[in-house]
């Protein structure tokens, strides 16, 4: 499977490109990690 066909198949199956999918996961984990810090800073 070529990289282009993989990206097309991934986007068809998931709804977003592999890069956007990884960015979403990174944003989600960042929010989880910063949540307690944000609460601590607001106190």
PDB file of N, CA and C in Angstrom:
ATOM      1  N   UNK A   1       0.849  -1.172   0.000  1.00  0.00           N
ATOM      2  CA  UNK A   1       0.000   0.000   0.000  1.00  0.00           C
ATOM      3  C   UNK A   1       0.897   1.238   0.000  1.00  0.00           C
ATOM      4  N   UNK A   2       0.620   2.143  -0.892  1.00  0.00           N
ATOM      5  CA  UNK A   2       1.401   3.379  -0.964  1.00  0.00           C
ATOM      6  C   UNK A   2       0.952   4.345   0.127  1.00  0.00           C
ATOM      7  N   UNK A   3       1.782   5.307   0.481  1.00  0.00           N
ATOM      8  CA  UNK A   3       1.377   6.290   1.488  1.00  0.00           C
ATOM      9  C   UNK A   3       0.098   7.038   1.102  1.00  0.00           C
ATOM     10  N   UNK A   4      -0.043   7.361  -0.181  1.00  0.00           N
ATOM     11  CA  UNK A   4      -1.250   8.082  -0.614  1.00  0.00           C
ATOM     12  C   UNK A   4      -2.500   7.228  -0.474  1.00  0.00           C
ATOM     13  N   UNK A   5      -2.406   5.956  -0.842  1.00  0.00           N
ATOM     14  CA  UNK A   5      -3.593   5.107  -0.723  1.00  0.00           C
ATOM     15  C   UNK A   5      -3.925   4.853   0.745  1.00  0.00           C
ATOM     16  N   UNK A   6      -2.890   4.760   1.589  1.00  0.00           N
ATOM     17  CA  UNK A   6      -3.132   4.603   3.025  1.00  0.00           C
ATOM     18  C   UNK A   6      -3.883   5.816   3.570  1.00  0.00           C
ATOM     19  N   UNK A   7      -3.447   6.998   3.210  1.00  0.00           N
ATOM     20  CA  UNK A   7      -4.106   8.226   3.684  1.00  0.00           C
ATOM     21  C   UNK A   7      -5.552   8.298   3.222  1.00  0.00           C
ATOM     22  N   UNK A   8      -5.801   7.935   1.984  1.00  0.00           N
ATOM     23  CA  UNK A   8      -7.177   7.948   1.474  1.00  0.00           C
ATOM     24  C   UNK A   8      -8.040   6.941   2.223  1.00  0.00           C
ATOM     25  N   UNK A   9      -7.514   5.747   2.419  1.00  0.00           N
ATOM     26  CA  UNK A   9      -8.268   4.712   3.142  1.00  0.00           C
ATOM     27  C   UNK A   9      -8.528   5.129   4.584  1.00  0.00           C
ATOM     28  N   UNK A  10      -7.527   5.700   5.218  1.00  0.00           N
ATOM     29  CA  UNK A  10      -7.666   6.161   6.597  1.00  0.00           C
ATOM     30  C   UNK A  10      -8.746   7.234   6.692  1.00  0.00           C
ATOM     31  N   UNK A  11      -8.697   8.194   5.785  1.00  0.00           N
ATOM     32  CA  UNK A  11      -9.679   9.284   5.811  1.00  0.00           C
ATOM     33  C   UNK A  11     -11.091   8.764   5.553  1.00  0.00           C
ATOM     34  N   UNK A  12     -11.221   7.795   4.664  1.00  0.00           N
ATOM     35  CA  UNK A  12     -12.534   7.194   4.417  1.00  0.00           C
ATOM     36  C   UNK A  12     -13.064   6.487   5.662  1.00  0.00           C
ATOM     37  N   UNK A  13     -12.194   5.789   6.359  1.00  0.00           N
ATOM     38  CA  UNK A  13     -12.607   5.007   7.523  1.00  0.00           C
ATOM     39  C   UNK A  13     -12.842   5.871   8.765  1.00  0.00           C
ATOM     40  N   UNK A  14     -11.979   6.851   9.006  1.00  0.00           N
ATOM     41  CA  UNK A  14     -12.018   7.630  10.242  1.00  0.00           C
ATOM     42  C   UNK A  14     -12.719   8.978  10.060  1.00  0.00           C
ATOM     43  N   UNK A  15     -12.606   9.537   8.881  1.00  0.00           N
ATOM     44  CA  UNK A  15     -13.251  10.821   8.618  1.00  0.00           C
ATOM     45  C   UNK A  15     -12.303  12.002   8.589  1.00  0.00           C
ATOM     46  N   UNK A  16     -11.073  11.801   9.018  1.00  0.00           N
ATOM     47  CA  UNK A  16     -10.056  12.857   8.972  1.00  0.00           C
ATOM     48  C   UNK A  16      -8.741  12.234   8.521  1.00  0.00           C
ATOM     49  N   UNK A  17      -7.803  13.073   8.103  1.00  0.00           N
ATOM     50  CA  UNK A  17      -6.501  12.572   7.659  1.00  0.00           C
ATOM     51  C   UNK A  17      -5.722  12.038   8.863  1.00  0.00           C
ATOM     52  N   UNK A  18      -4.733  11.186   8.610  1.00  0.00           N
ATOM     53  CA  UNK A  18      -3.917  10.681   9.720  1.00  0.00           C
ATOM     54  C   UNK A  18      -3.254  11.801  10.533  1.00  0.00           C
ATOM     55  N   UNK A  19      -2.790  12.842   9.860  1.00  0.00           N
ATOM     56  CA  UNK A  19      -2.164  13.965  10.560  1.00  0.00           C
ATOM     57  C   UNK A  19      -3.156  14.666  11.468  1.00  0.00           C
ATOM     58  N   UNK A  20      -4.360  14.939  10.965  1.00  0.00           N
ATOM     59  CA  UNK A  20      -5.372  15.602  11.778  1.00  0.00           C
ATOM     60  C   UNK A  20      -5.809  14.723  12.942  1.00  0.00           C
ATOM     61  N   UNK A  21      -5.890  13.426  12.715  1.00  0.00           N
ATOM     62  CA  UNK A  21      -6.246  12.486  13.775  1.00  0.00           C
ATOM     63  C   UNK A  21      -5.211  12.536  14.905  1.00  0.00           C
ATOM     64  N   UNK A  22      -3.928  12.505  14.553  1.00  0.00           N
ATOM     65  CA  UNK A  22      -2.881  12.589  15.572  1.00  0.00           C
ATOM     66  C   UNK A  22      -2.916  13.933  16.301  1.00  0.00           C
ATOM     67  N   UNK A  23      -3.184  15.007  15.575  1.00  0.00           N
ATOM     68  CA  UNK A  23      -3.289  16.321  16.216  1.00  0.00           C
ATOM     69  C   UNK A  23      -4.450  16.354  17.208  1.00  0.00           C
ATOM     70  N   UNK A  24      -5.565  15.732  16.863  1.00  0.00           N
ATOM     71  CA  UNK A  24      -6.704  15.673  17.785  1.00  0.00           C
ATOM     72  C   UNK A  24      -6.333  14.913  19.049  1.00  0.00           C
ATOM     73  N   UNK A  25      -5.641  13.791  18.892  1.00  0.00           N
ATOM     74  CA  UNK A  25      -5.216  13.014  20.058  1.00  0.00           C
ATOM     75  C   UNK A  25      -4.263  13.823  20.927  1.00  0.00           C
ATOM     76  N   UNK A  26      -3.329  14.511  20.287  1.00  0.00           N
ATOM     77  CA  UNK A  26      -2.374  15.334  21.043  1.00  0.00           C
ATOM     78  C   UNK A  26      -3.083  16.445  21.811  1.00  0.00           C
ATOM     79  N   UNK A  27      -4.046  17.110  21.160  1.00  0.00           N
ATOM     80  CA  UNK A  27      -4.794  18.173  21.840  1.00  0.00           C
ATOM     81  C   UNK A  27      -5.559  17.613  23.026  1.00  0.00           C
ATOM     82  N   UNK A  28      -6.177  16.460  22.841  1.00  0.00           N
ATOM     83  CA  UNK A  28      -6.943  15.833  23.923  1.00  0.00           C
ATOM     84  C   UNK A  28      -6.040  15.530  25.121  1.00  0.00           C
ATOM     85  N   UNK A  29      -4.885  14.919  24.869  1.00  0.00           N
ATOM     86  CA  UNK A  29      -3.969  14.582  25.953  1.00  0.00           C
ATOM     87  C   UNK A  29      -3.408  15.836  26.624  1.00  0.00           C
ATOM     88  N   UNK A  30      -3.148  16.865  25.842  1.00  0.00           N
ATOM     89  CA  UNK A  30      -2.652  18.119  26.410  1.00  0.00           C
ATOM     90  C   UNK A  30      -3.681  18.718  27.350  1.00  0.00           C
ATOM     91  N   UNK A  31      -4.950  18.721  26.947  1.00  0.00           N
ATOM     92  CA  UNK A  31      -6.007  19.246  27.810  1.00  0.00           C
ATOM     93  C   UNK A  31      -6.107  18.448  29.099  1.00  0.00           C
ATOM     94  N   UNK A  32      -5.986  17.127  29.003  1.00  0.00           N
ATOM     95  CA  UNK A  32      -6.038  16.290  30.206  1.00  0.00           C
ATOM     96  C   UNK A  32      -4.868  16.593  31.136  1.00  0.00           C
ATOM     97  N   UNK A  33      -3.691  16.792  30.565  1.00  0.00           N
ATOM     98  CA  UNK A  33      -2.511  17.051  31.385  1.00  0.00           C
ATOM     99  C   UNK A  33      -2.542  18.444  32.003  1.00  0.00           C
ATOM    100  N   UNK A  34      -3.093  19.421  31.291  1.00  0.00           N
ATOM    101  CA  UNK A  34      -3.113  20.796  31.788  1.00  0.00           C
ATOM    102  C   UNK A  34      -4.283  21.075  32.726  1.00  0.00           C
ATOM    103  N   UNK A  35      -5.283  20.216  32.735  1.00  0.00           N
ATOM    104  CA  UNK A  35      -6.454  20.436  33.576  1.00  0.00           C
ATOM    105  C   UNK A  35      -6.112  20.667  35.035  1.00  0.00           C
ATOM    106  N   UNK A  36      -5.392  19.753  35.681  1.00  0.00           N
ATOM    107  CA  UNK A  36      -5.040  19.971  37.097  1.00  0.00           C
ATOM    108  C   UNK A  36      -4.173  21.210  37.310  1.00  0.00           C
ATOM    109  N   UNK A  37      -3.265  21.491  36.387  1.00  0.00           N
ATOM    110  CA  UNK A  37      -2.431  22.673  36.502  1.00  0.00           C
ATOM    111  C   UNK A  37      -3.270  23.940  36.442  1.00  0.00           C
ATOM    112  N   UNK A  38      -4.220  23.959  35.549  1.00  0.00           N
ATOM    113  CA  UNK A  38      -5.098  25.134  35.411  1.00  0.00           C
ATOM    114  C   UNK A  38      -5.883  25.356  36.705  1.00  0.00           C
ATOM    115  N   UNK A  39      -6.389  24.273  37.284  1.00  0.00           N
ATOM    116  CA  UNK A  39      -7.141  24.394  38.541  1.00  0.00           C
ATOM    117  C   UNK A  39      -6.227  24.904  39.642  1.00  0.00           C
ATOM    118  N   UNK A  40      -4.995  24.423  39.681  1.00  0.00           N
ATOM    119  CA  UNK A  40      -4.043  24.844  40.690  1.00  0.00           C
ATOM    120  C   UNK A  40      -3.714  26.328  40.550  1.00  0.00           C
ATOM    121  N   UNK A  41      -3.556  26.776  39.307  1.00  0.00           N
ATOM    122  CA  UNK A  41      -3.225  28.172  39.058  1.00  0.00           C
ATOM    123  C   UNK A  41      -4.377  29.107  39.424  1.00  0.00           C
ATOM    124  N   UNK A  42      -5.608  28.632  39.281  1.00  0.00           N
ATOM    125  CA  UNK A  42      -6.768  29.472  39.566  1.00  0.00           C
ATOM    126  C   UNK A  42      -7.047  29.614  41.060  1.00  0.00           C
ATOM    127  N   UNK A  43      -6.423  28.779  41.866  1.00  0.00           N
ATOM    128  CA  UNK A  43      -6.658  28.855  43.323  1.00  0.00           C
ATOM    129  C   UNK A  43      -5.929  30.002  43.953  1.00  0.00           C
TER     130      UNK A  43
END
